[in-house]
C-alpha atoms as a PDB file:
ATOM      1  CA  MET A   1      83.951 -24.492  50.399  1.00  0.00           C
ATOM      2  CA  LYS A   2      82.737 -21.024  52.515  1.00  0.00           C
ATOM      3  CA  SER A   3      84.060 -21.537  56.004  1.00  0.00           C
ATOM      4  CA  THR A   4      81.509 -21.317  58.742  1.00  0.00           C
ATOM      5  CA  HIS A   5      82.691 -17.886  59.674  1.00  0.00           C
ATOM      6  CA  GLU A   6      81.838 -16.373  56.169  1.00  0.00           C
ATOM      7  CA  TYR A   7      77.853 -17.799  56.297  1.00  0.00           C
ATOM      8  CA  LYS A   8      77.541 -16.109  59.862  1.00  0.00           C
ATOM      9  CA  LEU A   9      79.087 -12.706  58.235  1.00  0.00           C
ATOM     10  CA  LYS A  10      76.522 -13.482  55.872  1.00  0.00           C
ATOM     11  CA  ALA A  11      73.409 -14.106  58.122  1.00  0.00           C
ATOM     12  CA  PHE A  12      74.397 -10.950  60.048  1.00  0.00           C
ATOM     13  CA  VAL A  13      74.412  -8.344  57.418  1.00  0.00           C
ATOM     14  CA  LEU A  14      71.423  -9.728  55.969  1.00  0.00           C
ATOM     15  CA  ILE A  15      69.498  -9.599  59.512  1.00  0.00           C
ATOM     16  CA  PHE A  16      71.165  -6.253  60.040  1.00  0.00           C
ATOM     17  CA  ILE A  17      69.265  -4.998  56.643  1.00  0.00           C
ATOM     18  CA  LEU A  18      65.598  -6.677  57.556  1.00  0.00           C
ATOM     19  CA  ILE A  19      65.744  -4.991  61.032  1.00  0.00           C
ATOM     20  CA  SER A  20      67.087  -1.505  59.410  1.00  0.00           C
ATOM     21  CA  LEU A  21      64.445  -1.409  56.628  1.00  0.00           C
ATOM     22  CA  PRO A  22      61.500   0.357  58.298  1.00  0.00           C
ATOM     23  CA  CYS A  23      63.714   3.282  58.838  1.00  0.00           C
ATOM     24  CA  PHE A  24      64.702   3.743  55.494  1.00  0.00           C
ATOM     25  CA  CYS A  25      60.990   3.892  54.385  1.00  0.00           C
ATOM     26  CA  GLN A  26      59.974   6.443  56.760  1.00  0.00           C
ATOM     27  CA  PRO A  27      58.710   9.572  54.790  1.00  0.00           C
ATOM     28  CA  ASN A  28      61.355  12.205  53.973  1.00  0.00           C
ATOM     29  CA  SER A  29      59.766  15.215  55.432  1.00  0.00           C
ATOM     30  CA  LYS A  30      59.330  13.459  59.149  1.00  0.00           C
ATOM     31  CA  ILE A  31      63.042  12.426  58.937  1.00  0.00           C
ATOM     32  CA  HIS A  32      64.087  16.347  58.070  1.00  0.00           C
ATOM     33  CA  THR A  33      61.434  17.785  60.630  1.00  0.00           C
ATOM     34  CA  THR A  34      63.415  15.434  63.302  1.00  0.00           C
ATOM     35  CA  GLN A  35      66.480  16.461  62.382  1.00  0.00           C
ATOM     36  CA  LYS A  36      65.336  20.438  62.380  1.00  0.00           C
ATOM     37  CA  ASN A  37      64.184  20.477  65.578  1.00  0.00           C
ATOM     38  CA  ILE A  38      67.633  18.781  67.051  1.00  0.00           C
ATOM     39  CA  GLN A  39      69.752  21.306  65.239  1.00  0.00           C
ATOM     40  CA  THR A  40      66.932  24.235  66.806  1.00  0.00           C
ATOM     41  CA  ASN A  41      67.834  22.996  70.188  1.00  0.00           C
ATOM     42  CA  GLN A  42      71.131  22.649  69.753  1.00  0.00           C
ATOM     43  CA  SER A  43      72.259  25.851  67.912  1.00  0.00           C
ATOM     44  CA  ARG A  44      70.024  28.225  69.990  1.00  0.00           C
ATOM     45  CA  PRO A  45      69.824  27.141  73.577  1.00  0.00           C
ATOM     46  CA  PHE A  46      67.338  29.001  75.978  1.00  0.00           C
ATOM     47  CA  VAL A  47      68.131  30.942  79.030  1.00  0.00           C
ATOM     48  CA  LYS A  48      67.214  29.508  82.147  1.00  0.00           C
ATOM     49  CA  TYR A  49      65.422  32.122  83.577  1.00  0.00           C
ATOM     50  CA  THR A  50      60.947  31.171  85.049  1.00  0.00           C
ATOM     51  CA  SER A  51      60.211  34.588  86.857  1.00  0.00           C
ATOM     52  CA  GLY A  52      60.428  36.675  83.522  1.00  0.00           C
ATOM     53  CA  ILE A  53      63.048  38.531  81.411  1.00  0.00           C
ATOM     54  CA  ARG A  54      63.222  42.398  82.693  1.00  0.00           C
ATOM     55  CA  SER A  55      66.279  43.625  80.553  1.00  0.00           C
ATOM     56  CA  VAL A  56      68.888  43.140  77.806  1.00  0.00           C
ATOM     57  CA  LEU A  57      72.075  44.444  76.489  1.00  0.00           C
ATOM     58  CA  GLU A  58      74.311  43.539  73.308  1.00  0.00           C
ATOM     59  CA  ASP A  59      77.660  44.979  74.592  1.00  0.00           C
ATOM     60  CA  SER A  60      80.604  46.442  72.611  1.00  0.00           C
ATOM     61  CA  LYS A  61      82.471  43.513  73.004  1.00  0.00           C
ATOM     62  CA  GLY A  62      79.644  41.006  71.327  1.00  0.00           C
ATOM     63  CA  ASN A  63      78.127  39.719  74.563  1.00  0.00           C
ATOM     64  CA  THR A  64      74.575  39.582  75.259  1.00  0.00           C
ATOM     65  CA  TRP A  65      73.292  40.117  78.668  1.00  0.00           C
ATOM     66  CA  ILE A  66      70.072  38.947  80.156  1.00  0.00           C
ATOM     67  CA  GLY A  67      68.773  40.280  83.264  1.00  0.00           C
ATOM     68  CA  SER A  68      65.737  38.127  85.165  1.00  0.00           C
ATOM     69  CA  HIS A  69      62.975  39.535  87.440  1.00  0.00           C
ATOM     70  CA  SER A  70      64.086  37.665  90.651  1.00  0.00           C
ATOM     71  CA  GLU A  71      67.032  35.168  89.276  1.00  0.00           C
ATOM     72  CA  GLY A  72      70.048  37.051  88.688  1.00  0.00           C
ATOM     73  CA  VAL A  73      71.579  38.106  85.196  1.00  0.00           C
ATOM     74  CA  CYS A  74      72.701  35.739  82.226  1.00  0.00           C
ATOM     75  CA  LEU A  75      75.808  36.826  80.363  1.00  0.00           C
ATOM     76  CA  ILE A  76      75.689  34.955  76.972  1.00  0.00           C
ATOM     77  CA  ARG A  77      79.380  34.716  75.143  1.00  0.00           C
ATOM     78  CA  ASN A  78      80.566  32.682  72.131  1.00  0.00           C
ATOM     79  CA  GLY A  79      77.323  30.692  72.657  1.00  0.00           C
ATOM     80  CA  LYS A  80      77.889  29.621  76.429  1.00  0.00           C
ATOM     81  CA  PHE A  81      75.736  30.906  79.421  1.00  0.00           C
ATOM     82  CA  LYS A  82      76.859  32.372  82.441  1.00  0.00           C
ATOM     83  CA  TYR A  83      74.847  32.694  85.401  1.00  0.00           C
ATOM     84  CA  PHE A  84      75.301  35.504  87.986  1.00  0.00           C
ATOM     85  CA  THR A  85      73.259  36.126  91.290  1.00  0.00           C
ATOM     86  CA  ILE A  86      74.028  38.081  94.654  1.00  0.00           C
ATOM     87  CA  ALA A  87      76.283  35.221  95.381  1.00  0.00           C
ATOM     88  CA  ASP A  88      78.358  36.471  92.472  1.00  0.00           C
ATOM     89  CA  GLY A  89      78.294  40.371  93.462  1.00  0.00           C
ATOM     90  CA  LEU A  90      74.688  41.481  92.348  1.00  0.00           C
ATOM     91  CA  SER A  91      73.257  44.085  94.922  1.00  0.00           C
ATOM     92  CA  ASP A  92      69.882  42.315  94.300  1.00  0.00           C
ATOM     93  CA  ASN A  93      68.694  39.258  91.947  1.00  0.00           C
ATOM     94  CA  GLN A  94      66.043  41.660  90.318  1.00  0.00           C
ATOM     95  CA  VAL A  95      67.843  43.246  87.042  1.00  0.00           C
ATOM     96  CA  ARG A  96      65.671  46.065  85.817  1.00  0.00           C
ATOM     97  CA  ASN A  97      67.999  47.851  83.394  1.00  0.00           C
ATOM     98  CA  ILE A  98      71.454  47.080  81.982  1.00  0.00           C
ATOM     99  CA  TYR A  99      73.734  49.785  80.519  1.00  0.00           C
ATOM    100  CA  GLU A 100      77.718  49.884  79.289  1.00  0.00           C
ATOM    101  CA  ASP A 101      79.540  52.928  80.260  1.00  0.00           C
ATOM    102  CA  GLN A 102      82.104  55.029  78.096  1.00  0.00           C
ATOM    103  CA  HIS A 103      84.961  52.275  79.355  1.00  0.00           C
ATOM    104  CA  GLY A 104      83.330  49.352  79.122  1.00  0.00           C
ATOM    105  CA  LEU A 105      81.826  48.810  82.277  1.00  0.00           C
ATOM    106  CA  ILE A 106      78.567  46.765  82.419  1.00  0.00           C
ATOM    107  CA  TRP A 107      75.819  48.108  85.277  1.00  0.00           C
ATOM    108  CA  PHE A 108      73.231  46.454  86.334  1.00  0.00           C
ATOM    109  CA  GLU A 109      70.510  48.506  88.081  1.00  0.00           C
ATOM    110  CA  CYS A 110      69.344  46.187  90.402  1.00  0.00           C
ATOM    111  CA  GLY A 111      66.051  46.077  92.492  1.00  0.00           C
ATOM    112  CA  LYS A 112      67.767  47.660  95.118  1.00  0.00           C
ATOM    113  CA  GLY A 113      71.179  49.104  94.951  1.00  0.00           C
ATOM    114  CA  LEU A 114      73.508  48.900  91.926  1.00  0.00           C
ATOM    115  CA  SER A 115      76.518  46.773  90.503  1.00  0.00           C
ATOM    116  CA  PHE A 116      78.873  46.510  87.790  1.00  0.00           C
ATOM    117  CA  TYR A 117      80.962  44.122  85.370  1.00  0.00           C
ATOM    118  CA  ASP A 118      84.778  44.945  84.764  1.00  0.00           C
ATOM    119  CA  GLY A 119      85.323  41.704  82.451  1.00  0.00           C
ATOM    120  CA  GLN A 120      85.926  39.366  84.832  1.00  0.00           C
ATOM    121  CA  HIS A 121      84.086  39.801  88.469  1.00  0.00           C
ATOM    122  CA  ILE A 122      80.688  41.438  89.457  1.00  0.00           C
ATOM    123  CA  THR A 123      80.830  43.970  92.489  1.00  0.00           C
ATOM    124  CA  VAL A 124      78.281  45.886  94.046  1.00  0.00           C
ATOM    125  CA  TYR A 125      79.093  49.705  93.612  1.00  0.00           C
ATOM    126  CA  ASP A 126      78.638  51.363  96.792  1.00  0.00           C
ATOM    127  CA  GLN A 127      79.888  55.159  96.649  1.00  0.00           C
ATOM    128  CA  ARG A 128      77.657  58.136  96.519  1.00  0.00           C
ATOM    129  CA  ASN A 129      77.840  61.766  96.512  1.00  0.00           C
ATOM    130  CA  TYR A 130      75.108  63.698  98.166  1.00  0.00           C
ATOM    131  CA  ASP A 131      77.191  66.975  98.302  1.00  0.00           C
ATOM    132  CA  PHE A 132      75.285  68.777  95.242  1.00  0.00           C
ATOM    133  CA  LYS A 133      71.579  67.322  94.831  1.00  0.00           C
ATOM    134  CA  ASN A 134      70.402  70.520  93.146  1.00  0.00           C
ATOM    135  CA  LYS A 135      72.885  70.728  90.801  1.00  0.00           C
ATOM    136  CA  TRP A 136      71.898  69.443  87.515  1.00  0.00           C
ATOM    137  CA  SER A 137      74.890  69.484  84.800  1.00  0.00           C
ATOM    138  CA  PRO A 138      74.211  66.576  82.452  1.00  0.00           C
ATOM    139  CA  THR A 139      77.346  65.388  79.917  1.00  0.00           C
ATOM    140  CA  SER A 140      77.091  63.469  76.981  1.00  0.00           C
ATOM    141  CA  ASN A 141      78.191  60.079  78.229  1.00  0.00           C
ATOM    142  CA  ASP A 142      76.158  59.883  81.693  1.00  0.00           C
ATOM    143  CA  LEU A 143      74.738  57.035  82.678  1.00  0.00           C
ATOM    144  CA  TRP A 144      71.080  57.988  85.286  1.00  0.00           C
ATOM    145  CA  PHE A 145      69.924  55.054  87.714  1.00  0.00           C
ATOM    146  CA  LYS A 146      66.947  55.108  89.676  1.00  0.00           C
ATOM    147  CA  GLY A 147      67.092  55.164  94.181  1.00  0.00           C
ATOM    148  CA  ASP A 148      68.896  52.546  95.849  1.00  0.00           C
ATOM    149  CA  LEU A 149      65.425  51.258  97.016  1.00  0.00           C
ATOM    150  CA  SER A 150      62.855  49.017  95.585  1.00  0.00           C
ATOM    151  CA  THR A 151      60.721  51.981  95.700  1.00  0.00           C
ATOM    152  CA  GLY A 152      60.971  55.285  97.538  1.00  0.00           C
ATOM    153  CA  TYR A 153      63.878  57.141  98.782  1.00  0.00           C
ATOM    154  CA  ASN A 154      65.965  56.271 101.891  1.00  0.00           C
ATOM    155  CA  ALA A 155      67.324  59.157 104.672  1.00  0.00           C
ATOM    156  CA  ARG A 156      70.756  60.161 102.325  1.00  0.00           C
ATOM    157  CA  GLU A 157      68.481  60.969  99.349  1.00  0.00           C
ATOM    158  CA  GLU A 158      65.840  62.585 101.256  1.00  0.00           C
ATOM    159  CA  GLN A 159      63.128  62.994  98.322  1.00  0.00           C
ATOM    160  CA  PRO A 160      62.691  61.639  94.783  1.00  0.00           C
ATOM    161  CA  GLY A 161      65.253  61.652  92.426  1.00  0.00           C
ATOM    162  CA  VAL A 162      68.062  59.748  90.581  1.00  0.00           C
ATOM    163  CA  TYR A 163      71.499  58.826  90.372  1.00  0.00           C
ATOM    164  CA  GLN A 164      74.129  60.969  87.625  1.00  0.00           C
ATOM    165  CA  TYR A 165      76.979  58.570  86.555  1.00  0.00           C
ATOM    166  CA  ASP A 166      79.858  60.584  84.312  1.00  0.00           C
ATOM    167  CA  GLY A 167      81.971  58.260  84.455  1.00  0.00           C
ATOM    168  CA  SER A 168      84.029  58.960  87.685  1.00  0.00           C
ATOM    169  CA  THR A 169      81.636  59.739  89.858  1.00  0.00           C
ATOM    170  CA  LEU A 170      77.688  58.572  90.965  1.00  0.00           C
ATOM    171  CA  SER A 171      75.701  61.758  92.288  1.00  0.00           C
ATOM    172  CA  PHE A 172      72.302  62.238  93.368  1.00  0.00           C
ATOM    173  CA  ARG A 173      70.117  64.801  91.638  1.00  0.00           C
ATOM    174  CA  LYS A 174      66.984  65.618  93.381  1.00  0.00           C
ATOM    175  CA  PHE A 175      63.496  65.801  91.279  1.00  0.00           C
ATOM    176  CA  PRO A 176      62.133  69.337  91.575  1.00  0.00           C
ATOM    177  CA  ILE A 177      58.893  67.344  92.969  1.00  0.00           C
ATOM    178  CA  ALA A 178      57.198  67.853  96.787  1.00  0.00           C
ATOM    179  CA  PRO A 179      55.814  64.334  97.704  1.00  0.00           C
ATOM    180  CA  LYS A 180      52.278  65.041  99.555  1.00  0.00           C
ATOM    181  CA  GLY A 181      51.641  62.659 102.839  1.00  0.00           C
ATOM    182  CA  GLY A 182      51.352  59.121 100.906  1.00  0.00           C
ATOM    183  CA  GLU A 183      53.708  59.817  97.929  1.00  0.00           C
ATOM    184  CA  GLU A 184      56.476  58.283  99.289  1.00  0.00           C
ATOM    185  CA  ASN A 185      56.824  55.780  96.679  1.00  0.00           C
ATOM    186  CA  TYR A 186      54.686  57.435  93.796  1.00  0.00           C
ATOM    187  CA  PHE A 187      57.840  59.069  92.361  1.00  0.00           C
ATOM    188  CA  SER A 188      60.088  56.268  92.011  1.00  0.00           C
ATOM    189  CA  VAL A 189      61.563  55.811  88.821  1.00  0.00           C
ATOM    190  CA  THR A 190      60.252  52.975  87.265  1.00  0.00           C
ATOM    191  CA  THR A 191      61.609  53.038  83.765  1.00  0.00           C
ATOM    192  CA  PRO A 192      64.804  53.397  81.625  1.00  0.00           C
ATOM    193  CA  PHE A 193      65.860  56.659  81.489  1.00  0.00           C
ATOM    194  CA  ILE A 194      65.641  58.399  77.531  1.00  0.00           C
ATOM    195  CA  LYS A 195      67.891  61.178  75.842  1.00  0.00           C
ATOM    196  CA  ALA A 196      65.562  62.983  73.133  1.00  0.00           C
ATOM    197  CA  LYS A 197      66.945  63.635  70.101  1.00  0.00           C
ATOM    198  CA  ASN A 198      66.566  67.529  71.390  1.00  0.00           C
ATOM    199  CA  GLY A 199      68.970  66.439  74.344  1.00  0.00           C
ATOM    200  CA  THR A 200      66.023  65.848  76.769  1.00  0.00           C
ATOM    201  CA  LEU A 201      66.537  63.645  79.368  1.00  0.00           C
ATOM    202  CA  TRP A 202      63.097  61.728  80.475  1.00  0.00           C
ATOM    203  CA  PHE A 203      62.429  59.727  83.440  1.00  0.00           C
ATOM    204  CA  GLY A 204      59.339  57.613  84.000  1.00  0.00           C
ATOM    205  CA  THR A 205      58.361  57.230  87.518  1.00  0.00           C
ATOM    206  CA  TYR A 206      55.082  56.186  88.910  1.00  0.00           C
ATOM    207  CA  GLY A 207      53.179  59.257  88.865  1.00  0.00           C
ATOM    208  CA  ALA A 208      55.142  61.457  86.123  1.00  0.00           C
ATOM    209  CA  VAL A 209      57.241  61.812  83.684  1.00  0.00           C
ATOM    210  CA  ILE A 210      60.081  64.337  84.379  1.00  0.00           C
ATOM    211  CA  GLY A 211      62.159  65.396  81.455  1.00  0.00           C
ATOM    212  CA  TYR A 212      64.854  68.038  82.246  1.00  0.00           C
ATOM    213  CA  THR A 213      65.761  70.284  78.900  1.00  0.00           C
ATOM    214  CA  GLY A 214      69.475  71.186  80.402  1.00  0.00           C
ATOM    215  CA  SER A 215      68.090  74.248  81.679  1.00  0.00           C
ATOM    216  CA  THR A 216      64.352  73.506  82.885  1.00  0.00           C
ATOM    217  CA  PHE A 217      62.182  70.763  83.545  1.00  0.00           C
ATOM    218  CA  LYS A 218      59.059  69.520  82.007  1.00  0.00           C
ATOM    219  CA  ILE A 219      56.468  67.669  84.181  1.00  0.00           C
ATOM    220  CA  ILE A 220      53.722  65.394  82.915  1.00  0.00           C
ATOM    221  CA  ASP A 221      51.479  64.193  85.884  1.00  0.00           C
ATOM    222  CA  ASN A 222      47.768  64.133  86.946  1.00  0.00           C
ATOM    223  CA  THR A 223      47.574  67.493  87.224  1.00  0.00           C
ATOM    224  CA  TYR A 224      49.187  68.505  83.699  1.00  0.00           C
ATOM    225  CA  LEU A 225      46.649  65.862  81.971  1.00  0.00           C
ATOM    226  CA  GLY A 226      43.432  66.487  84.221  1.00  0.00           C
ATOM    227  CA  LEU A 227      43.239  63.079  86.103  1.00  0.00           C
ATOM    228  CA  ASN A 228      42.693  62.043  89.605  1.00  0.00           C
ATOM    229  CA  GLU A 229      42.368  59.119  91.619  1.00  0.00           C
ATOM    230  CA  ALA A 230      38.763  59.224  90.641  1.00  0.00           C
ATOM    231  CA  ASN A 231      38.666  58.795  87.322  1.00  0.00           C
ATOM    232  CA  ALA A 232      41.934  56.917  86.846  1.00  0.00           C
ATOM    233  CA  ALA A 233      45.371  58.107  87.458  1.00  0.00           C
ATOM    234  CA  LEU A 234      48.753  57.668  86.053  1.00  0.00           C
ATOM    235  CA  HIS A 235      50.560  53.993  86.658  1.00  0.00           C
ATOM    236  CA  ILE A 236      53.802  54.485  84.871  1.00  0.00           C
ATOM    237  CA  ARG A 237      55.477  51.648  83.216  1.00  0.00           C
ATOM    238  CA  SER A 238      57.523  52.471  80.161  1.00  0.00           C
ATOM    239  CA  ILE A 239      58.211  55.228  77.577  1.00  0.00           C
ATOM    240  CA  MET A 240      59.540  55.595  74.772  1.00  0.00           C
ATOM    241  CA  GLU A 241      60.729  58.089  72.074  1.00  0.00           C
ATOM    242  CA  ASP A 242      59.915  57.455  68.052  1.00  0.00           C
ATOM    243  CA  ARG A 243      61.956  58.241  65.147  1.00  0.00           C
ATOM    244  CA  ASN A 244      59.573  61.805  65.006  1.00  0.00           C
ATOM    245  CA  GLY A 245      60.491  62.949  68.192  1.00  0.00           C
ATOM    246  CA  ASN A 246      56.918  61.946  69.924  1.00  0.00           C
ATOM    247  CA  LEU A 247      57.126  60.415  73.537  1.00  0.00           C
ATOM    248  CA  TRP A 248      55.063  57.781  74.208  1.00  0.00           C
ATOM    249  CA  ILE A 249      53.771  57.073  77.703  1.00  0.00           C
ATOM    250  CA  GLY A 250      52.709  53.539  78.708  1.00  0.00           C
ATOM    251  CA  ASN A 251      50.478  52.754  81.871  1.00  0.00           C
ATOM    252  CA  ASN A 252      49.180  50.315  84.062  1.00  0.00           C
ATOM    253  CA  GLY A 253      45.498  50.677  83.917  1.00  0.00           C
ATOM    254  CA  ILE A 254      44.900  53.780  81.886  1.00  0.00           C
ATOM    255  CA  GLY A 255      46.794  52.731  78.608  1.00  0.00           C
ATOM    256  CA  VAL A 256      48.869  54.975  76.550  1.00  0.00           C
ATOM    257  CA  PHE A 257      49.630  58.568  76.089  1.00  0.00           C
ATOM    258  CA  LYS A 258      51.062  60.413  73.421  1.00  0.00           C
ATOM    259  CA  TYR A 259      53.344  63.486  73.563  1.00  0.00           C
ATOM    260  CA  ASP A 260      54.498  65.326  70.694  1.00  0.00           C
ATOM    261  CA  GLY A 261      56.449  68.035  72.537  1.00  0.00           C
ATOM    262  CA  ASN A 262      53.333  70.670  72.604  1.00  0.00           C
ATOM    263  CA  LYS A 263      50.477  68.497  73.508  1.00  0.00           C
ATOM    264  CA  THR A 264      49.514  65.224  74.965  1.00  0.00           C
ATOM    265  CA  ILE A 265      46.793  62.922  73.785  1.00  0.00           C
ATOM    266  CA  HIS A 266      45.219  59.956  75.265  1.00  0.00           C
ATOM    267  CA  PHE A 267      45.862  57.332  72.772  1.00  0.00           C
ATOM    268  CA  SER A 268      44.092  54.088  74.023  1.00  0.00           C
ATOM    269  CA  LYS A 269      40.994  56.473  74.214  1.00  0.00           C
ATOM    270  CA  GLN A 270      41.531  57.933  70.771  1.00  0.00           C
ATOM    271  CA  GLN A 271      41.555  54.495  69.120  1.00  0.00           C
ATOM    272  CA  SER A 272      38.218  53.762  70.596  1.00  0.00           C
ATOM    273  CA  ILE A 273      39.346  49.729  71.394  1.00  0.00           C
ATOM    274  CA  LYS A 274      36.212  47.912  72.320  1.00  0.00           C
ATOM    275  CA  LYS A 275      37.163  44.410  74.283  1.00  0.00           C
ATOM    276  CA  ASP A 276      34.819  42.501  72.104  1.00  0.00           C
ATOM    277  CA  ASP A 277      37.004  43.652  69.118  1.00  0.00           C
ATOM    278  CA  PHE A 278      40.035  41.369  70.114  1.00  0.00           C
ATOM    279  CA  ASN A 279      38.566  38.580  72.422  1.00  0.00           C
ATOM    280  CA  GLY A 280      38.649  40.697  75.435  1.00  0.00           C
ATOM    281  CA  ASN A 281      42.321  42.034  74.951  1.00  0.00           C
ATOM    282  CA  THR A 282      42.863  45.921  75.428  1.00  0.00           C
ATOM    283  CA  LEU A 283      45.625  48.819  75.395  1.00  0.00           C
ATOM    284  CA  ASP A 284      45.238  49.397  79.183  1.00  0.00           C
ATOM    285  CA  ARG A 285      47.978  47.690  80.814  1.00  0.00           C
ATOM    286  CA  VAL A 286      51.141  48.797  78.792  1.00  0.00           C
ATOM    287  CA  PHE A 287      54.555  47.702  80.352  1.00  0.00           C
ATOM    288  CA  ALA A 288      56.867  48.037  77.675  1.00  0.00           C
ATOM    289  CA  LEU A 289      57.055  49.902  74.252  1.00  0.00           C
ATOM    290  CA  GLY A 290      59.373  49.248  70.991  1.00  0.00           C
ATOM    291  CA  GLU A 291      59.288  50.961  67.560  1.00  0.00           C
ATOM    292  CA  ASP A 292      60.718  48.513  64.344  1.00  0.00           C
ATOM    293  CA  SER A 293      62.599  49.496  61.603  1.00  0.00           C
ATOM    294  CA  LYS A 294      59.240  50.211  59.407  1.00  0.00           C
ATOM    295  CA  GLY A 295      57.995  52.741  61.898  1.00  0.00           C
ATOM    296  CA  ASN A 296      55.658  50.742  63.185  1.00  0.00           C
ATOM    297  CA  ILE A 297      54.706  51.083  67.378  1.00  0.00           C
ATOM    298  CA  TRP A 298      54.602  48.257  69.426  1.00  0.00           C
ATOM    299  CA  PHE A 299      53.255  47.798  72.800  1.00  0.00           C
ATOM    300  CA  GLY A 300      53.964  45.151  75.324  1.00  0.00           C
ATOM    301  CA  THR A 301      50.774  44.220  77.658  1.00  0.00           C
ATOM    302  CA  VAL A 302      49.909  42.557  80.536  1.00  0.00           C
ATOM    303  CA  LYS A 303      47.537  39.708  79.483  1.00  0.00           C
ATOM    304  CA  SER A 304      46.083  41.427  76.371  1.00  0.00           C
ATOM    305  CA  GLY A 305      49.797  39.945  74.143  1.00  0.00           C
ATOM    306  CA  LEU A 306      51.562  42.342  71.836  1.00  0.00           C
ATOM    307  CA  TRP A 307      50.233  45.281  69.825  1.00  0.00           C
ATOM    308  CA  LYS A 308      51.611  46.698  66.768  1.00  0.00           C
ATOM    309  CA  PHE A 309      50.260  50.382  65.489  1.00  0.00           C
ATOM    310  CA  ASP A 310      51.467  51.222  61.831  1.00  0.00           C
ATOM    311  CA  GLY A 311      49.900  54.465  61.890  1.00  0.00           C
ATOM    312  CA  ILE A 312      46.621  53.768  60.805  1.00  0.00           C
ATOM    313  CA  SER A 313      45.239  50.788  62.592  1.00  0.00           C
ATOM    314  CA  LEU A 314      46.187  48.424  65.381  1.00  0.00           C
ATOM    315  CA  THR A 315      46.973  44.810  65.188  1.00  0.00           C
ATOM    316  CA  ASN A 316      46.679  42.319  68.139  1.00  0.00           C
ATOM    317  CA  PHE A 317      49.229  39.074  68.814  1.00  0.00           C
ATOM    318  CA  THR A 318      48.573  36.611  70.823  1.00  0.00           C
ATOM    319  CA  GLU A 319      49.507  32.965  71.606  1.00  0.00           C
ATOM    320  CA  LYS A 320      47.438  31.811  68.655  1.00  0.00           C
ATOM    321  CA  ASP A 321      49.953  33.689  67.148  1.00  0.00           C
ATOM    322  CA  GLY A 322      53.352  32.572  68.449  1.00  0.00           C
ATOM    323  CA  PHE A 323      53.955  34.883  71.102  1.00  0.00           C
ATOM    324  CA  PRO A 324      52.937  32.614  74.495  1.00  0.00           C
ATOM    325  CA  SER A 325      53.988  35.320  77.342  1.00  0.00           C
ATOM    326  CA  GLY A 326      51.592  36.700  79.404  1.00  0.00           C
ATOM    327  CA  GLN A 327      53.355  39.503  80.259  1.00  0.00           C
ATOM    328  CA  VAL A 328      55.685  41.707  78.531  1.00  0.00           C
ATOM    329  CA  TRP A 329      58.473  43.184  80.383  1.00  0.00           C
ATOM    330  CA  THR A 330      60.522  45.023  77.861  1.00  0.00           C
ATOM    331  CA  ILE A 331      61.274  45.623  73.936  1.00  0.00           C
ATOM    332  CA  TYR A 332      64.843  45.505  73.011  1.00  0.00           C
ATOM    333  CA  LYS A 333      65.765  46.895  69.848  1.00  0.00           C
ATOM    334  CA  THR A 334      69.315  44.816  68.750  1.00  0.00           C
ATOM    335  CA  ILE A 335      71.739  46.370  67.182  1.00  0.00           C
ATOM    336  CA  ASN A 336      71.187  44.956  63.886  1.00  0.00           C
ATOM    337  CA  GLY A 337      67.676  46.694  64.644  1.00  0.00           C
ATOM    338  CA  THR A 338      65.418  43.822  65.288  1.00  0.00           C
ATOM    339  CA  LEU A 339      62.718  43.748  68.299  1.00  0.00           C
ATOM    340  CA  TRP A 340      63.153  41.368  70.849  1.00  0.00           C
ATOM    341  CA  PHE A 341      60.036  40.993  72.800  1.00  0.00           C
ATOM    342  CA  CYS A 342      61.146  39.829  76.776  1.00  0.00           C
ATOM    343  CA  GLY A 343      58.293  38.227  78.457  1.00  0.00           C
ATOM    344  CA  ALA A 344      56.963  36.217  81.247  1.00  0.00           C
ATOM    345  CA  ASN A 345      54.932  33.961  82.058  1.00  0.00           C
ATOM    346  CA  PRO A 346      56.159  31.696  80.381  1.00  0.00           C
ATOM    347  CA  SER A 347      59.182  33.393  80.258  1.00  0.00           C
ATOM    348  CA  GLY A 348      61.394  34.040  77.129  1.00  0.00           C
ATOM    349  CA  ILE A 349      62.676  36.251  74.501  1.00  0.00           C
ATOM    350  CA  TYR A 350      61.086  36.631  71.255  1.00  0.00           C
ATOM    351  CA  LYS A 351      61.121  38.020  67.547  1.00  0.00           C
ATOM    352  CA  PHE A 352      58.238  38.546  64.592  1.00  0.00           C
ATOM    353  CA  ASN A 353      59.556  37.012  61.509  1.00  0.00           C
ATOM    354  CA  GLY A 354      56.503  38.737  59.436  1.00  0.00           C
ATOM    355  CA  LYS A 355      54.127  35.976  60.111  1.00  0.00           C
ATOM    356  CA  THR A 356      54.576  34.564  63.451  1.00  0.00           C
ATOM    357  CA  PHE A 357      57.081  34.664  66.557  1.00  0.00           C
ATOM    358  CA  GLU A 358      60.431  32.904  66.795  1.00  0.00           C
ATOM    359  CA  ARG A 359      61.513  32.104  70.525  1.00  0.00           C
ATOM    360  CA  VAL A 360      65.514  33.817  70.322  1.00  0.00           C
ATOM    361  CA  TYR A 361      66.594  32.569  74.310  1.00  0.00           C
END
């Protein structure tokens, strides 16, 4: 004769099966989707910034650094996120560009000032040399940084220019430009520096792209282009050299120019983009430029999404294509050649999979 305990056990098992039965009858696809979402969120956490992504660097140790518009910088190491602000040694919470020098130090070009990471701590770098401001003598491993102020120049700098770091000394170099009254901010550096295939150094400022060949300067400004305030002037926010040696120049207002070493064309005007063709979107406000592994040129804009130029035609990508950011601050090419599109409003880093955009961080 079965014990009361055995009857209770069987009853418990039967009740458990009846309660659980609806779960097993769910469609397999729904279960799979839920599990997939959980795995995605767990395996790829997103950076917490909300002010926008300004800069990215993958360093030689396998770490990823992400600089924000006003919230500091994030170090991603072995899947773990560590955040740094001015309280941790940054000179400013706006991190415009991130570089690694020949010794493995990580440098942060901030809205104001300069900081570096030695593997343990972030420290403000306050050593400057102003003795030879006109001595332009580039070396192969130089890093170049904008002036110390957010815009304009300070009393020690005296006029627009850049800082050259040769691995040991940070020295200020003047641009061969004499600003007129009211142009104190006009030649402030606004882009990362570029070392071109032919060795030319290029610096983007609000009012000009300034190149140094090693012996002479090339200045692409309003005068060179025949522009003035009346017919729309330069407001440069991005520069990039493509695989063919063309220099692309993105502006906030008058679109994109392309310089081939001899002449400059107004690319945006050449394409004859009509607002009605792209739901009101244009190539007028271009803050970021990039080239993918296939040679396509990408443009990141304010309020007009992303654009891809395949050499013949333009394609516009917006929120309906999976890219939600209202502004693109930078386009970063990863070590493996993937383009990361770094945006704001909302913040995030995305990549294009050929059909749509996937969030990376």
